[in-house]
């Protein structure tokens, strides 16, 4: 189990970093969608379904740049670690 977690959350390449960012973004999106959807089911307010549409349409506009920013930070971190190894 420890090896699986290490392999998923500590990738060994830039493509792995990108995959990690997309995986985390999808996980946050699905979790948030379930939260919004279940809240609407329990609310009983007429017209509450519009919040699901707003979430499905507008949240990716926020989530994609955040995931890209995380990828850039991971890529800079990987580059600096490789640079540090070259000087040693």
C-alpha atoms as a PDB file:
ATOM      1  CA  UNK A   1       0.000   0.000   0.000  1.00  0.00           C
ATOM      2  CA  UNK A   2       2.834   2.380   0.829  1.00  0.00           C
ATOM      3  CA  UNK A   3       4.437   1.765  -2.567  1.00  0.00           C
ATOM      4  CA  UNK A   4       1.142   2.482  -4.334  1.00  0.00           C
ATOM      5  CA  UNK A   5       0.702   5.782  -2.473  1.00  0.00           C
ATOM      6  CA  UNK A   6       4.312   6.750  -3.192  1.00  0.00           C
ATOM      7  CA  UNK A   7       3.889   5.885  -6.861  1.00  0.00           C
ATOM      8  CA  UNK A   8       0.638   7.884  -7.188  1.00  0.00           C
ATOM      9  CA  UNK A   9       1.588  11.000  -5.245  1.00  0.00           C
ATOM     10  CA  UNK A  10       5.325  11.194  -5.977  1.00  0.00           C
ATOM     11  CA  UNK A  11       5.630  10.675  -9.738  1.00  0.00           C
ATOM     12  CA  UNK A  12       9.052  10.445 -11.366  1.00  0.00           C
ATOM     13  CA  UNK A  13       8.463  12.650 -14.441  1.00  0.00           C
ATOM     14  CA  UNK A  14       6.808  15.830 -15.612  1.00  0.00           C
ATOM     15  CA  UNK A  15       4.046  13.802 -17.278  1.00  0.00           C
ATOM     16  CA  UNK A  16       3.452  12.102 -13.927  1.00  0.00           C
ATOM     17  CA  UNK A  17       3.187  15.519 -12.284  1.00  0.00           C
ATOM     18  CA  UNK A  18       0.600  16.543 -14.854  1.00  0.00           C
ATOM     19  CA  UNK A  19      -1.326  13.321 -14.277  1.00  0.00           C
ATOM     20  CA  UNK A  20      -1.257  13.924 -10.524  1.00  0.00           C
ATOM     21  CA  UNK A  21      -2.627  17.452 -10.977  1.00  0.00           C
ATOM     22  CA  UNK A  22      -5.416  16.270 -13.253  1.00  0.00           C
ATOM     23  CA  UNK A  23      -6.256  13.409 -10.882  1.00  0.00           C
ATOM     24  CA  UNK A  24      -6.474  15.761  -7.899  1.00  0.00           C
ATOM     25  CA  UNK A  25      -8.564  18.259  -9.879  1.00  0.00           C
ATOM     26  CA  UNK A  26     -10.980  15.517 -10.947  1.00  0.00           C
ATOM     27  CA  UNK A  27     -11.190  14.235  -7.374  1.00  0.00           C
ATOM     28  CA  UNK A  28     -12.019  17.721  -6.049  1.00  0.00           C
ATOM     29  CA  UNK A  29     -14.561  18.265  -8.843  1.00  0.00           C
ATOM     30  CA  UNK A  30     -16.403  14.991  -8.224  1.00  0.00           C
ATOM     31  CA  UNK A  31     -16.384  15.455  -4.446  1.00  0.00           C
ATOM     32  CA  UNK A  32     -17.739  18.991  -4.752  1.00  0.00           C
ATOM     33  CA  UNK A  33     -20.358  17.917  -7.266  1.00  0.00           C
ATOM     34  CA  UNK A  34     -21.591  15.187  -4.928  1.00  0.00           C
ATOM     35  CA  UNK A  35     -21.701  17.681  -2.054  1.00  0.00           C
ATOM     36  CA  UNK A  36     -23.708  20.219  -4.079  1.00  0.00           C
ATOM     37  CA  UNK A  37     -26.013  17.565  -5.500  1.00  0.00           C
ATOM     38  CA  UNK A  38     -26.750  15.954  -2.136  1.00  0.00           C
ATOM     39  CA  UNK A  39     -27.325  19.363  -0.542  1.00  0.00           C
ATOM     40  CA  UNK A  40     -29.883  20.197  -3.232  1.00  0.00           C
ATOM     41  CA  UNK A  41     -31.687  16.911  -2.768  1.00  0.00           C
ATOM     42  CA  UNK A  42     -32.045  17.609   0.955  1.00  0.00           C
ATOM     43  CA  UNK A  43     -32.988  21.287   0.568  1.00  0.00           C
ATOM     44  CA  UNK A  44     -36.384  20.833  -1.068  1.00  0.00           C
ATOM     45  CA  UNK A  45     -36.295  24.352  -2.543  1.00  0.00           C
ATOM     46  CA  UNK A  46     -37.909  24.793  -5.958  1.00  0.00           C
ATOM     47  CA  UNK A  47     -35.318  25.688  -8.581  1.00  0.00           C
ATOM     48  CA  UNK A  48     -32.394  24.383  -6.559  1.00  0.00           C
ATOM     49  CA  UNK A  49     -31.172  22.361  -9.558  1.00  0.00           C
ATOM     50  CA  UNK A  50     -29.735  25.516 -11.104  1.00  0.00           C
ATOM     51  CA  UNK A  51     -26.901  25.355  -8.564  1.00  0.00           C
ATOM     52  CA  UNK A  52     -25.845  22.005 -10.008  1.00  0.00           C
ATOM     53  CA  UNK A  53     -25.723  23.563 -13.471  1.00  0.00           C
ATOM     54  CA  UNK A  54     -23.715  26.526 -12.175  1.00  0.00           C
ATOM     55  CA  UNK A  55     -21.320  24.168 -10.436  1.00  0.00           C
ATOM     56  CA  UNK A  56     -20.920  21.911 -13.466  1.00  0.00           C
ATOM     57  CA  UNK A  57     -20.291  24.855 -15.799  1.00  0.00           C
ATOM     58  CA  UNK A  58     -18.443  27.436 -13.709  1.00  0.00           C
ATOM     59  CA  UNK A  59     -16.308  25.405 -11.308  1.00  0.00           C
ATOM     60  CA  UNK A  60     -13.986  24.057 -14.048  1.00  0.00           C
ATOM     61  CA  UNK A  61     -13.224  27.682 -14.957  1.00  0.00           C
ATOM     62  CA  UNK A  62     -11.719  27.996 -11.477  1.00  0.00           C
ATOM     63  CA  UNK A  63     -10.347  24.460 -11.137  1.00  0.00           C
ATOM     64  CA  UNK A  64      -8.365  24.172 -14.377  1.00  0.00           C
ATOM     65  CA  UNK A  65      -6.111  27.202 -13.699  1.00  0.00           C
ATOM     66  CA  UNK A  66      -5.543  26.013 -10.110  1.00  0.00           C
ATOM     67  CA  UNK A  67      -4.516  22.563 -11.378  1.00  0.00           C
ATOM     68  CA  UNK A  68      -2.228  24.193 -13.958  1.00  0.00           C
ATOM     69  CA  UNK A  69      -0.664  26.371 -11.254  1.00  0.00           C
ATOM     70  CA  UNK A  70      -0.048  23.278  -9.132  1.00  0.00           C
ATOM     71  CA  UNK A  71       1.593  21.616 -12.131  1.00  0.00           C
ATOM     72  CA  UNK A  72       3.862  24.614 -12.661  1.00  0.00           C
ATOM     73  CA  UNK A  73       4.891  24.561  -8.997  1.00  0.00           C
ATOM     74  CA  UNK A  74       5.611  20.826  -9.143  1.00  0.00           C
ATOM     75  CA  UNK A  75       7.592  21.273 -12.362  1.00  0.00           C
ATOM     76  CA  UNK A  76       9.677  24.083 -10.829  1.00  0.00           C
ATOM     77  CA  UNK A  77      10.285  21.945  -7.758  1.00  0.00           C
ATOM     78  CA  UNK A  78      11.400  18.996  -9.938  1.00  0.00           C
ATOM     79  CA  UNK A  79      13.657  21.259 -12.021  1.00  0.00           C
ATOM     80  CA  UNK A  80      15.325  22.749  -8.939  1.00  0.00           C
ATOM     81  CA  UNK A  81      15.863  19.300  -7.412  1.00  0.00           C
ATOM     82  CA  UNK A  82      17.490  18.085 -10.641  1.00  0.00           C
ATOM     83  CA  UNK A  83      19.621  21.238 -10.776  1.00  0.00           C
ATOM     84  CA  UNK A  84      20.735  20.651  -7.182  1.00  0.00           C
ATOM     85  CA  UNK A  85      21.772  17.060  -8.028  1.00  0.00           C
ATOM     86  CA  UNK A  86      23.834  18.328 -10.985  1.00  0.00           C
ATOM     87  CA  UNK A  87      25.873  20.628  -8.733  1.00  0.00           C
ATOM     88  CA  UNK A  88      26.606  17.856  -6.223  1.00  0.00           C
END
